[in-house]
């Protein structure tokens, strides 16, 4: 799998780990799993948006939180088609941001909801 992996940074970031192939049943399952996961992230984004517009506790933080979930959902739709190395790196950064914003929101605005 990695025998043709480039040694330089930018070509390595563009290296495709996986690409959708409709003839491969495992690829089809992976494709639909990522599509369903994207829908789940969009639903979570909708819940965050609803809370943002109803409670207005931390509008800037929650708007950023909402945006992170939307971008993560979009990345899953992208992942359903092709998985380059840069996408995995981007998803990691997005997820770390989600965890960081969640921590800030819970500590500052929802201390009763520690879970």
PDB file of N, CA and C in Angstrom:
ATOM      1  N   UNK A   1       0.818  -1.202   0.000  1.00  0.00           N
ATOM      2  CA  UNK A   1       0.000   0.000   0.000  1.00  0.00           C
ATOM      3  C   UNK A   1       0.854   1.255   0.000  1.00  0.00           C
ATOM      4  N   UNK A   2       1.904   1.283   0.818  1.00  0.00           N
ATOM      5  CA  UNK A   2       2.717   2.493   0.942  1.00  0.00           C
ATOM      6  C   UNK A   2       4.027   2.414   0.178  1.00  0.00           C
ATOM      7  N   UNK A   3       4.193   1.421  -0.680  1.00  0.00           N
ATOM      8  CA  UNK A   3       5.459   1.316  -1.395  1.00  0.00           C
ATOM      9  C   UNK A   3       5.698   2.485  -2.345  1.00  0.00           C
ATOM     10  N   UNK A   4       4.648   3.129  -2.839  1.00  0.00           N
ATOM     11  CA  UNK A   4       4.813   4.286  -3.720  1.00  0.00           C
ATOM     12  C   UNK A   4       4.528   5.607  -2.994  1.00  0.00           C
ATOM     13  N   UNK A   5       4.566   5.589  -1.662  1.00  0.00           N
ATOM     14  CA  UNK A   5       4.316   6.799  -0.865  1.00  0.00           C
ATOM     15  C   UNK A   5       5.465   7.783  -1.081  1.00  0.00           C
ATOM     16  N   UNK A   6       5.155   9.049  -1.437  1.00  0.00           N
ATOM     17  CA  UNK A   6       6.204  10.025  -1.729  1.00  0.00           C
ATOM     18  C   UNK A   6       7.006  10.423  -0.485  1.00  0.00           C
ATOM     19  N   UNK A   7       8.258  10.802  -0.689  1.00  0.00           N
ATOM     20  CA  UNK A   7       9.126  11.219   0.400  1.00  0.00           C
ATOM     21  C   UNK A   7       9.003  12.707   0.712  1.00  0.00           C
ATOM     22  N   UNK A   8       8.495  13.487  -0.184  1.00  0.00           N
ATOM     23  CA  UNK A   8       8.376  14.928   0.015  1.00  0.00           C
ATOM     24  C   UNK A   8       7.017  15.258   0.638  1.00  0.00           C
ATOM     25  N   UNK A   9       6.944  16.388   1.361  1.00  0.00           N
ATOM     26  CA  UNK A   9       5.761  16.728   2.153  1.00  0.00           C
ATOM     27  C   UNK A   9       4.500  16.904   1.316  1.00  0.00           C
ATOM     28  N   UNK A  10       4.505  17.821   0.348  1.00  0.00           N
ATOM     29  CA  UNK A  10       3.270  18.115  -0.396  1.00  0.00           C
ATOM     30  C   UNK A  10       2.787  16.939  -1.235  1.00  0.00           C
ATOM     31  N   UNK A  11       3.665  16.252  -1.936  1.00  0.00           N
ATOM     32  CA  UNK A  11       3.166  15.050  -2.633  1.00  0.00           C
ATOM     33  C   UNK A  11       2.625  14.002  -1.660  1.00  0.00           C
ATOM     34  N   UNK A  12       3.246  13.897  -0.483  1.00  0.00           N
ATOM     35  CA  UNK A  12       2.760  12.939   0.511  1.00  0.00           C
ATOM     36  C   UNK A  12       1.373  13.324   1.008  1.00  0.00           C
ATOM     37  N   UNK A  13       1.115  14.610   1.189  1.00  0.00           N
ATOM     38  CA  UNK A  13      -0.197  15.071   1.655  1.00  0.00           C
ATOM     39  C   UNK A  13      -1.283  14.793   0.617  1.00  0.00           C
ATOM     40  N   UNK A  14      -0.912  14.737  -0.639  1.00  0.00           N
ATOM     41  CA  UNK A  14      -1.887  14.491  -1.700  1.00  0.00           C
ATOM     42  C   UNK A  14      -2.059  13.002  -2.007  1.00  0.00           C
ATOM     43  N   UNK A  15      -1.260  12.165  -1.381  1.00  0.00           N
ATOM     44  CA  UNK A  15      -1.320  10.725  -1.612  1.00  0.00           C
ATOM     45  C   UNK A  15      -2.693  10.195  -1.199  1.00  0.00           C
ATOM     46  N   UNK A  16      -3.317   9.416  -2.079  1.00  0.00           N
ATOM     47  CA  UNK A  16      -4.646   8.864  -1.807  1.00  0.00           C
ATOM     48  C   UNK A  16      -4.522   7.504  -1.136  1.00  0.00           C
ATOM     49  N   UNK A  17      -5.088   7.404   0.068  1.00  0.00           N
ATOM     50  CA  UNK A  17      -5.092   6.147   0.798  1.00  0.00           C
ATOM     51  C   UNK A  17      -6.203   5.218   0.316  1.00  0.00           C
ATOM     52  N   UNK A  18      -7.292   5.812  -0.160  1.00  0.00           N
ATOM     53  CA  UNK A  18      -8.459   5.041  -0.578  1.00  0.00           C
ATOM     54  C   UNK A  18      -9.267   5.867  -1.558  1.00  0.00           C
ATOM     55  N   UNK A  19      -9.885   5.198  -2.512  1.00  0.00           N
ATOM     56  CA  UNK A  19     -10.788   5.854  -3.458  1.00  0.00           C
ATOM     57  C   UNK A  19     -11.993   4.937  -3.652  1.00  0.00           C
ATOM     58  N   UNK A  20     -13.171   5.544  -3.743  1.00  0.00           N
ATOM     59  CA  UNK A  20     -14.419   4.796  -3.900  1.00  0.00           C
ATOM     60  C   UNK A  20     -14.406   3.992  -5.190  1.00  0.00           C
ATOM     61  N   UNK A  21     -14.809   2.735  -5.061  1.00  0.00           N
ATOM     62  CA  UNK A  21     -14.935   1.839  -6.202  1.00  0.00           C
ATOM     63  C   UNK A  21     -16.263   1.100  -6.045  1.00  0.00           C
ATOM     64  N   UNK A  22     -17.222   1.395  -6.890  1.00  0.00           N
ATOM     65  CA  UNK A  22     -18.563   0.830  -6.771  1.00  0.00           C
ATOM     66  C   UNK A  22     -18.596  -0.686  -6.962  1.00  0.00           C
ATOM     67  N   UNK A  23     -17.541  -1.261  -7.503  1.00  0.00           N
ATOM     68  CA  UNK A  23     -17.508  -2.711  -7.723  1.00  0.00           C
ATOM     69  C   UNK A  23     -17.004  -3.477  -6.498  1.00  0.00           C
ATOM     70  N   UNK A  24     -16.448  -2.781  -5.527  1.00  0.00           N
ATOM     71  CA  UNK A  24     -15.914  -3.399  -4.314  1.00  0.00           C
ATOM     72  C   UNK A  24     -16.936  -3.244  -3.188  1.00  0.00           C
ATOM     73  N   UNK A  25     -17.453  -4.355  -2.673  1.00  0.00           N
ATOM     74  CA  UNK A  25     -18.519  -4.284  -1.660  1.00  0.00           C
ATOM     75  C   UNK A  25     -18.034  -3.626  -0.367  1.00  0.00           C
ATOM     76  N   UNK A  26     -16.776  -3.814   0.006  1.00  0.00           N
ATOM     77  CA  UNK A  26     -16.230  -3.161   1.190  1.00  0.00           C
ATOM     78  C   UNK A  26     -16.160  -1.642   0.976  1.00  0.00           C
ATOM     79  N   UNK A  27     -15.784  -1.229  -0.215  1.00  0.00           N
ATOM     80  CA  UNK A  27     -15.729   0.193  -0.540  1.00  0.00           C
ATOM     81  C   UNK A  27     -17.122   0.810  -0.514  1.00  0.00           C
ATOM     82  N   UNK A  28     -18.108   0.077  -0.992  1.00  0.00           N
ATOM     83  CA  UNK A  28     -19.484   0.578  -0.971  1.00  0.00           C
ATOM     84  C   UNK A  28     -19.953   0.738   0.474  1.00  0.00           C
ATOM     85  N   UNK A  29     -19.649  -0.227   1.330  1.00  0.00           N
ATOM     86  CA  UNK A  29     -20.025  -0.143   2.744  1.00  0.00           C
ATOM     87  C   UNK A  29     -19.334   1.048   3.410  1.00  0.00           C
ATOM     88  N   UNK A  30     -18.045   1.237   3.134  1.00  0.00           N
ATOM     89  CA  UNK A  30     -17.295   2.362   3.697  1.00  0.00           C
ATOM     90  C   UNK A  30     -17.881   3.688   3.223  1.00  0.00           C
ATOM     91  N   UNK A  31     -18.250   3.743   1.964  1.00  0.00           N
ATOM     92  CA  UNK A  31     -18.864   4.936   1.382  1.00  0.00           C
ATOM     93  C   UNK A  31     -20.156   5.298   2.129  1.00  0.00           C
ATOM     94  N   UNK A  32     -21.030   4.308   2.327  1.00  0.00           N
ATOM     95  CA  UNK A  32     -22.314   4.584   2.988  1.00  0.00           C
ATOM     96  C   UNK A  32     -22.150   4.847   4.474  1.00  0.00           C
ATOM     97  N   UNK A  33     -21.182   4.215   5.091  1.00  0.00           N
ATOM     98  CA  UNK A  33     -20.889   4.495   6.497  1.00  0.00           C
ATOM     99  C   UNK A  33     -20.474   5.956   6.667  1.00  0.00           C
ATOM    100  N   UNK A  34     -19.621   6.443   5.797  1.00  0.00           N
ATOM    101  CA  UNK A  34     -19.204   7.844   5.868  1.00  0.00           C
ATOM    102  C   UNK A  34     -20.346   8.798   5.539  1.00  0.00           C
ATOM    103  N   UNK A  35     -21.201   8.410   4.627  1.00  0.00           N
ATOM    104  CA  UNK A  35     -22.358   9.244   4.297  1.00  0.00           C
ATOM    105  C   UNK A  35     -23.292   9.351   5.498  1.00  0.00           C
ATOM    106  N   UNK A  36     -23.541   8.236   6.163  1.00  0.00           N
ATOM    107  CA  UNK A  36     -24.387   8.248   7.376  1.00  0.00           C
ATOM    108  C   UNK A  36     -23.728   9.042   8.498  1.00  0.00           C
ATOM    109  N   UNK A  37     -22.428   8.907   8.622  1.00  0.00           N
ATOM    110  CA  UNK A  37     -21.698   9.669   9.636  1.00  0.00           C
ATOM    111  C   UNK A  37     -21.808  11.169   9.363  1.00  0.00           C
ATOM    112  N   UNK A  38     -21.729  11.557   8.110  1.00  0.00           N
ATOM    113  CA  UNK A  38     -21.878  12.972   7.749  1.00  0.00           C
ATOM    114  C   UNK A  38     -23.260  13.484   8.146  1.00  0.00           C
ATOM    115  N   UNK A  39     -24.276  12.684   7.901  1.00  0.00           N
ATOM    116  CA  UNK A  39     -25.636  13.069   8.290  1.00  0.00           C
ATOM    117  C   UNK A  39     -25.713  13.253   9.798  1.00  0.00           C
ATOM    118  N   UNK A  40     -25.075  12.372  10.553  1.00  0.00           N
ATOM    119  CA  UNK A  40     -25.067  12.494  12.015  1.00  0.00           C
ATOM    120  C   UNK A  40     -24.400  13.795  12.446  1.00  0.00           C
ATOM    121  N   UNK A  41     -23.276  14.163  11.815  1.00  0.00           N
ATOM    122  CA  UNK A  41     -22.605  15.433  12.155  1.00  0.00           C
ATOM    123  C   UNK A  41     -23.487  16.623  11.802  1.00  0.00           C
ATOM    124  N   UNK A  42     -24.233  16.539  10.706  1.00  0.00           N
ATOM    125  CA  UNK A  42     -25.142  17.635  10.346  1.00  0.00           C
ATOM    126  C   UNK A  42     -26.291  17.744  11.346  1.00  0.00           C
ATOM    127  N   UNK A  43     -26.777  16.621  11.853  1.00  0.00           N
ATOM    128  CA  UNK A  43     -27.829  16.642  12.870  1.00  0.00           C
ATOM    129  C   UNK A  43     -27.295  17.291  14.152  1.00  0.00           C
ATOM    130  N   UNK A  44     -26.079  16.915  14.551  1.00  0.00           N
ATOM    131  CA  UNK A  44     -25.471  17.531  15.734  1.00  0.00           C
ATOM    132  C   UNK A  44     -25.301  19.031  15.514  1.00  0.00           C
ATOM    133  N   UNK A  45     -24.879  19.432  14.329  1.00  0.00           N
ATOM    134  CA  UNK A  45     -24.750  20.858  14.017  1.00  0.00           C
ATOM    135  C   UNK A  45     -26.104  21.553  14.148  1.00  0.00           C
ATOM    136  N   UNK A  46     -27.168  20.894  13.710  1.00  0.00           N
ATOM    137  CA  UNK A  46     -28.511  21.461  13.850  1.00  0.00           C
ATOM    138  C   UNK A  46     -28.911  21.632  15.306  1.00  0.00           C
ATOM    139  N   UNK A  47     -28.553  20.670  16.142  1.00  0.00           N
ATOM    140  CA  UNK A  47     -28.848  20.780  17.572  1.00  0.00           C
ATOM    141  C   UNK A  47     -28.089  21.949  18.183  1.00  0.00           C
ATOM    142  N   UNK A  48     -26.829  22.099  17.802  1.00  0.00           N
ATOM    143  CA  UNK A  48     -26.030  23.225  18.300  1.00  0.00           C
ATOM    144  C   UNK A  48     -26.624  24.546  17.814  1.00  0.00           C
ATOM    145  N   UNK A  49     -27.046  24.604  16.561  1.00  0.00           N
ATOM    146  CA  UNK A  49     -27.651  25.828  16.022  1.00  0.00           C
ATOM    147  C   UNK A  49     -28.953  26.157  16.749  1.00  0.00           C
ATOM    148  N   UNK A  50     -29.724  25.140  17.028  1.00  0.00           N
ATOM    149  CA  UNK A  50     -30.983  25.359  17.759  1.00  0.00           C
ATOM    150  C   UNK A  50     -30.711  25.939  19.142  1.00  0.00           C
ATOM    151  N   UNK A  51     -29.718  25.365  19.826  1.00  0.00           N
ATOM    152  CA  UNK A  51     -29.345  25.874  21.149  1.00  0.00           C
ATOM    153  C   UNK A  51     -28.813  27.299  21.032  1.00  0.00           C
ATOM    154  N   UNK A  52     -28.051  27.566  19.999  1.00  0.00           N
ATOM    155  CA  UNK A  52     -27.493  28.900  19.778  1.00  0.00           C
ATOM    156  C   UNK A  52     -28.593  29.938  19.636  1.00  0.00           C
ATOM    157  N   UNK A  53     -29.607  29.630  18.861  1.00  0.00           N
ATOM    158  CA  UNK A  53     -30.658  30.607  18.608  1.00  0.00           C
ATOM    159  C   UNK A  53     -31.705  30.665  19.720  1.00  0.00           C
ATOM    160  N   UNK A  54     -31.776  29.646  20.550  1.00  0.00           N
ATOM    161  CA  UNK A  54     -32.747  29.662  21.654  1.00  0.00           C
ATOM    162  C   UNK A  54     -32.186  30.241  22.935  1.00  0.00           C
ATOM    163  N   UNK A  55     -30.943  29.919  23.254  1.00  0.00           N
ATOM    164  CA  UNK A  55     -30.409  30.291  24.557  1.00  0.00           C
ATOM    165  C   UNK A  55     -29.452  31.475  24.511  1.00  0.00           C
ATOM    166  N   UNK A  56     -28.715  31.636  23.432  1.00  0.00           N
ATOM    167  CA  UNK A  56     -27.781  32.762  23.265  1.00  0.00           C
ATOM    168  C   UNK A  56     -26.807  32.923  24.427  1.00  0.00           C
ATOM    169  N   UNK A  57     -26.339  31.841  24.994  1.00  0.00           N
ATOM    170  CA  UNK A  57     -25.384  31.935  26.095  1.00  0.00           C
ATOM    171  C   UNK A  57     -24.006  32.361  25.600  1.00  0.00           C
ATOM    172  N   UNK A  58     -23.548  31.752  24.570  1.00  0.00           N
ATOM    173  CA  UNK A  58     -22.209  32.025  24.029  1.00  0.00           C
ATOM    174  C   UNK A  58     -22.282  32.043  22.509  1.00  0.00           C
ATOM    175  N   UNK A  59     -22.882  33.086  21.941  1.00  0.00           N
ATOM    176  CA  UNK A  59     -23.154  33.045  20.498  1.00  0.00           C
ATOM    177  C   UNK A  59     -21.924  32.868  19.623  1.00  0.00           C
ATOM    178  N   UNK A  60     -20.796  33.494  19.974  1.00  0.00           N
ATOM    179  CA  UNK A  60     -19.617  33.357  19.116  1.00  0.00           C
ATOM    180  C   UNK A  60     -19.016  31.953  19.208  1.00  0.00           C
ATOM    181  N   UNK A  61     -18.913  31.439  20.432  1.00  0.00           N
ATOM    182  CA  UNK A  61     -18.371  30.098  20.615  1.00  0.00           C
ATOM    183  C   UNK A  61     -19.281  29.051  19.988  1.00  0.00           C
ATOM    184  N   UNK A  62     -20.581  29.177  20.187  1.00  0.00           N
ATOM    185  CA  UNK A  62     -21.506  28.178  19.653  1.00  0.00           C
ATOM    186  C   UNK A  62     -21.619  28.268  18.141  1.00  0.00           C
ATOM    187  N   UNK A  63     -21.469  29.463  17.574  1.00  0.00           N
ATOM    188  CA  UNK A  63     -21.460  29.589  16.113  1.00  0.00           C
ATOM    189  C   UNK A  63     -20.222  28.889  15.547  1.00  0.00           C
ATOM    190  N   UNK A  64     -19.092  29.053  16.219  1.00  0.00           N
ATOM    191  CA  UNK A  64     -17.864  28.363  15.810  1.00  0.00           C
ATOM    192  C   UNK A  64     -18.029  26.851  15.956  1.00  0.00           C
ATOM    193  N   UNK A  65     -18.637  26.427  17.064  1.00  0.00           N
ATOM    194  CA  UNK A  65     -18.906  25.013  17.331  1.00  0.00           C
ATOM    195  C   UNK A  65     -19.796  24.433  16.228  1.00  0.00           C
ATOM    196  N   UNK A  66     -20.859  25.156  15.889  1.00  0.00           N
ATOM    197  CA  UNK A  66     -21.760  24.766  14.805  1.00  0.00           C
ATOM    198  C   UNK A  66     -20.968  24.598  13.501  1.00  0.00           C
ATOM    199  N   UNK A  67     -20.146  25.584  13.182  1.00  0.00           N
ATOM    200  CA  UNK A  67     -19.354  25.542  11.957  1.00  0.00           C
ATOM    201  C   UNK A  67     -18.405  24.355  11.912  1.00  0.00           C
ATOM    202  N   UNK A  68     -17.808  24.033  13.050  1.00  0.00           N
ATOM    203  CA  UNK A  68     -16.908  22.885  13.103  1.00  0.00           C
ATOM    204  C   UNK A  68     -17.642  21.585  12.783  1.00  0.00           C
ATOM    205  N   UNK A  69     -18.849  21.438  13.311  1.00  0.00           N
ATOM    206  CA  UNK A  69     -19.626  20.221  13.020  1.00  0.00           C
ATOM    207  C   UNK A  69     -20.020  20.157  11.541  1.00  0.00           C
ATOM    208  N   UNK A  70     -20.369  21.292  10.967  1.00  0.00           N
ATOM    209  CA  UNK A  70     -20.715  21.317   9.540  1.00  0.00           C
ATOM    210  C   UNK A  70     -19.501  20.937   8.696  1.00  0.00           C
ATOM    211  N   UNK A  71     -18.352  21.522   9.001  1.00  0.00           N
ATOM    212  CA  UNK A  71     -17.132  21.224   8.241  1.00  0.00           C
ATOM    213  C   UNK A  71     -16.738  19.757   8.415  1.00  0.00           C
ATOM    214  N   UNK A  72     -16.913  19.227   9.628  1.00  0.00           N
ATOM    215  CA  UNK A  72     -16.591  17.814   9.843  1.00  0.00           C
ATOM    216  C   UNK A  72     -17.536  16.925   9.032  1.00  0.00           C
ATOM    217  N   UNK A  73     -18.803  17.300   8.947  1.00  0.00           N
ATOM    218  CA  UNK A  73     -19.747  16.553   8.115  1.00  0.00           C
ATOM    219  C   UNK A  73     -19.376  16.602   6.641  1.00  0.00           C
ATOM    220  N   UNK A  74     -18.962  17.772   6.183  1.00  0.00           N
ATOM    221  CA  UNK A  74     -18.523  17.909   4.785  1.00  0.00           C
ATOM    222  C   UNK A  74     -17.294  17.039   4.533  1.00  0.00           C
ATOM    223  N   UNK A  75     -16.383  17.010   5.511  1.00  0.00           N
ATOM    224  CA  UNK A  75     -15.184  16.178   5.344  1.00  0.00           C
ATOM    225  C   UNK A  75     -15.550  14.694   5.256  1.00  0.00           C
ATOM    226  N   UNK A  76     -16.600  14.286   5.951  1.00  0.00           N
ATOM    227  CA  UNK A  76     -17.035  12.891   5.842  1.00  0.00           C
ATOM    228  C   UNK A  76     -17.647  12.607   4.472  1.00  0.00           C
ATOM    229  N   UNK A  77     -18.340  13.577   3.899  1.00  0.00           N
ATOM    230  CA  UNK A  77     -18.849  13.389   2.540  1.00  0.00           C
ATOM    231  C   UNK A  77     -17.694  13.258   1.554  1.00  0.00           C
ATOM    232  N   UNK A  78     -16.642  14.040   1.776  1.00  0.00           N
ATOM    233  CA  UNK A  78     -15.447  13.954   0.935  1.00  0.00           C
ATOM    234  C   UNK A  78     -14.791  12.584   1.116  1.00  0.00           C
ATOM    235  N   UNK A  79     -14.702  12.162   2.397  1.00  0.00           N
ATOM    236  CA  UNK A  79     -14.089  10.870   2.709  1.00  0.00           C
ATOM    237  C   UNK A  79     -14.868   9.706   2.100  1.00  0.00           C
ATOM    238  N   UNK A  80     -16.141   9.891   1.859  1.00  0.00           N
ATOM    239  CA  UNK A  80     -16.945   8.839   1.241  1.00  0.00           C
ATOM    240  C   UNK A  80     -16.522   8.590  -0.205  1.00  0.00           C
ATOM    241  N   UNK A  81     -15.792   9.535  -0.790  1.00  0.00           N
ATOM    242  CA  UNK A  81     -15.356   9.400  -2.182  1.00  0.00           C
ATOM    243  C   UNK A  81     -13.870   9.081  -2.308  1.00  0.00           C
ATOM    244  N   UNK A  82     -13.047   9.798  -1.523  1.00  0.00           N
ATOM    245  CA  UNK A  82     -11.596   9.633  -1.617  1.00  0.00           C
ATOM    246  C   UNK A  82     -10.972  10.037  -0.279  1.00  0.00           C
ATOM    247  N   UNK A  83      -9.866   9.375   0.093  1.00  0.00           N
ATOM    248  CA  UNK A  83      -9.201   9.675   1.364  1.00  0.00           C
ATOM    249  C   UNK A  83      -7.730  10.006   1.103  1.00  0.00           C
ATOM    250  N   UNK A  84      -7.437  11.276   0.849  1.00  0.00           N
ATOM    251  CA  UNK A  84      -6.028  11.670   0.763  1.00  0.00           C
ATOM    252  C   UNK A  84      -5.474  11.915   2.173  1.00  0.00           C
ATOM    253  N   UNK A  85      -4.173  11.898   2.307  1.00  0.00           N
ATOM    254  CA  UNK A  85      -3.537  12.085   3.610  1.00  0.00           C
ATOM    255  C   UNK A  85      -3.920  13.434   4.215  1.00  0.00           C
ATOM    256  N   UNK A  86      -4.000  14.488   3.384  1.00  0.00           N
ATOM    257  CA  UNK A  86      -4.322  15.818   3.920  1.00  0.00           C
ATOM    258  C   UNK A  86      -5.704  15.830   4.564  1.00  0.00           C
ATOM    259  N   UNK A  87      -6.630  15.030   4.065  1.00  0.00           N
ATOM    260  CA  UNK A  87      -7.982  14.990   4.632  1.00  0.00           C
ATOM    261  C   UNK A  87      -7.949  14.387   6.037  1.00  0.00           C
ATOM    262  N   UNK A  88      -7.170  13.353   6.239  1.00  0.00           N
ATOM    263  CA  UNK A  88      -7.047  12.761   7.568  1.00  0.00           C
ATOM    264  C   UNK A  88      -6.450  13.780   8.535  1.00  0.00           C
ATOM    265  N   UNK A  89      -5.424  14.499   8.088  1.00  0.00           N
ATOM    266  CA  UNK A  89      -4.809  15.530   8.932  1.00  0.00           C
ATOM    267  C   UNK A  89      -5.817  16.637   9.257  1.00  0.00           C
ATOM    268  N   UNK A  90      -6.582  17.065   8.261  1.00  0.00           N
ATOM    269  CA  UNK A  90      -7.575  18.119   8.474  1.00  0.00           C
ATOM    270  C   UNK A  90      -8.662  17.656   9.435  1.00  0.00           C
ATOM    271  N   UNK A  91      -9.123  16.414   9.271  1.00  0.00           N
ATOM    272  CA  UNK A  91     -10.154  15.889  10.166  1.00  0.00           C
ATOM    273  C   UNK A  91      -9.643  15.819  11.605  1.00  0.00           C
ATOM    274  N   UNK A  92      -8.378  15.489  11.776  1.00  0.00           N
ATOM    275  CA  UNK A  92      -7.787  15.478  13.112  1.00  0.00           C
ATOM    276  C   UNK A  92      -7.785  16.864  13.739  1.00  0.00           C
ATOM    277  N   UNK A  93      -7.428  17.869  12.953  1.00  0.00           N
ATOM    278  CA  UNK A  93      -7.430  19.248  13.459  1.00  0.00           C
ATOM    279  C   UNK A  93      -8.836  19.727  13.783  1.00  0.00           C
ATOM    280  N   UNK A  94      -9.780  19.397  12.926  1.00  0.00           N
ATOM    281  CA  UNK A  94     -11.170  19.783  13.178  1.00  0.00           C
ATOM    282  C   UNK A  94     -11.672  19.124  14.462  1.00  0.00           C
ATOM    283  N   UNK A  95     -11.378  17.838  14.622  1.00  0.00           N
ATOM    284  CA  UNK A  95     -11.841  17.123  15.807  1.00  0.00           C
ATOM    285  C   UNK A  95     -11.209  17.689  17.078  1.00  0.00           C
ATOM    286  N   UNK A  96      -9.926  18.027  17.037  1.00  0.00           N
ATOM    287  CA  UNK A  96      -9.284  18.650  18.194  1.00  0.00           C
ATOM    288  C   UNK A  96      -9.937  19.993  18.526  1.00  0.00           C
ATOM    289  N   UNK A  97     -10.315  20.755  17.508  1.00  0.00           N
ATOM    290  CA  UNK A  97     -11.029  22.011  17.727  1.00  0.00           C
ATOM    291  C   UNK A  97     -12.394  21.770  18.352  1.00  0.00           C
ATOM    292  N   UNK A  98     -13.105  20.745  17.892  1.00  0.00           N
ATOM    293  CA  UNK A  98     -14.409  20.410  18.472  1.00  0.00           C
ATOM    294  C   UNK A  98     -14.252  20.110  19.962  1.00  0.00           C
ATOM    295  N   UNK A  99     -13.256  19.299  20.302  1.00  0.00           N
ATOM    296  CA  UNK A  99     -13.029  18.966  21.713  1.00  0.00           C
ATOM    297  C   UNK A  99     -12.655  20.201  22.526  1.00  0.00           C
ATOM    298  N   UNK A 100     -11.828  21.068  21.954  1.00  0.00           N
ATOM    299  CA  UNK A 100     -11.419  22.282  22.658  1.00  0.00           C
ATOM    300  C   UNK A 100     -12.579  23.234  22.898  1.00  0.00           C
ATOM    301  N   UNK A 101     -13.394  23.463  21.883  1.00  0.00           N
ATOM    302  CA  UNK A 101     -14.545  24.364  22.029  1.00  0.00           C
ATOM    303  C   UNK A 101     -15.559  23.759  22.990  1.00  0.00           C
ATOM    304  N   UNK A 102     -15.746  22.460  22.918  1.00  0.00           N
ATOM    305  CA  UNK A 102     -16.663  21.793  23.857  1.00  0.00           C
ATOM    306  C   UNK A 102     -16.208  22.017  25.290  1.00  0.00           C
ATOM    307  N   UNK A 103     -14.938  21.884  25.513  1.00  0.00           N
ATOM    308  CA  UNK A 103     -14.390  22.090  26.858  1.00  0.00           C
ATOM    309  C   UNK A 103     -14.649  23.509  27.341  1.00  0.00           C
ATOM    310  N   UNK A 104     -14.392  24.490  26.478  1.00  0.00           N
ATOM    311  CA  UNK A 104     -14.631  25.896  26.840  1.00  0.00           C
ATOM    312  C   UNK A 104     -16.102  26.128  27.140  1.00  0.00           C
ATOM    313  N   UNK A 105     -16.984  25.638  26.272  1.00  0.00           N
ATOM    314  CA  UNK A 105     -18.419  25.854  26.463  1.00  0.00           C
ATOM    315  C   UNK A 105     -18.931  25.223  27.748  1.00  0.00           C
ATOM    316  N   UNK A 106     -18.524  24.010  28.014  1.00  0.00           N
ATOM    317  CA  UNK A 106     -19.008  23.340  29.224  1.00  0.00           C
ATOM    318  C   UNK A 106     -18.474  24.034  30.468  1.00  0.00           C
ATOM    319  N   UNK A 107     -17.194  24.376  30.465  1.00  0.00           N
ATOM    320  CA  UNK A 107     -16.616  25.024  31.652  1.00  0.00           C
ATOM    321  C   UNK A 107     -17.213  26.401  31.914  1.00  0.00           C
ATOM    322  N   UNK A 108     -17.402  27.185  30.872  1.00  0.00           N
ATOM    323  CA  UNK A 108     -17.862  28.565  31.060  1.00  0.00           C
ATOM    324  C   UNK A 108     -19.373  28.715  31.166  1.00  0.00           C
ATOM    325  N   UNK A 109     -20.091  27.995  30.338  1.00  0.00           N
ATOM    326  CA  UNK A 109     -21.515  28.284  30.193  1.00  0.00           C
ATOM    327  C   UNK A 109     -22.446  27.155  30.645  1.00  0.00           C
ATOM    328  N   UNK A 110     -21.935  25.949  30.768  1.00  0.00           N
ATOM    329  CA  UNK A 110     -22.772  24.822  31.146  1.00  0.00           C
ATOM    330  C   UNK A 110     -22.092  23.976  32.230  1.00  0.00           C
ATOM    331  N   UNK A 111     -21.686  24.586  33.343  1.00  0.00           N
ATOM    332  CA  UNK A 111     -20.966  23.805  34.364  1.00  0.00           C
ATOM    333  C   UNK A 111     -21.817  22.687  34.973  1.00  0.00           C
ATOM    334  N   UNK A 112     -23.128  22.811  34.905  1.00  0.00           N
ATOM    335  CA  UNK A 112     -23.995  21.760  35.453  1.00  0.00           C
ATOM    336  C   UNK A 112     -24.040  20.521  34.552  1.00  0.00           C
ATOM    337  N   UNK A 113     -23.560  20.634  33.321  1.00  0.00           N
ATOM    338  CA  UNK A 113     -23.649  19.533  32.349  1.00  0.00           C
ATOM    339  C   UNK A 113     -22.294  18.852  32.168  1.00  0.00           C
ATOM    340  N   UNK A 114     -21.577  18.616  33.224  1.00  0.00           N
ATOM    341  CA  UNK A 114     -20.265  17.964  33.111  1.00  0.00           C
ATOM    342  C   UNK A 114     -20.427  16.481  32.844  1.00  0.00           C
ATOM    343  N   UNK A 115     -20.187  16.107  31.618  1.00  0.00           N
ATOM    344  CA  UNK A 115     -20.219  14.696  31.225  1.00  0.00           C
ATOM    345  C   UNK A 115     -19.239  14.454  30.120  1.00  0.00           C
TER     346      UNK A 115
END
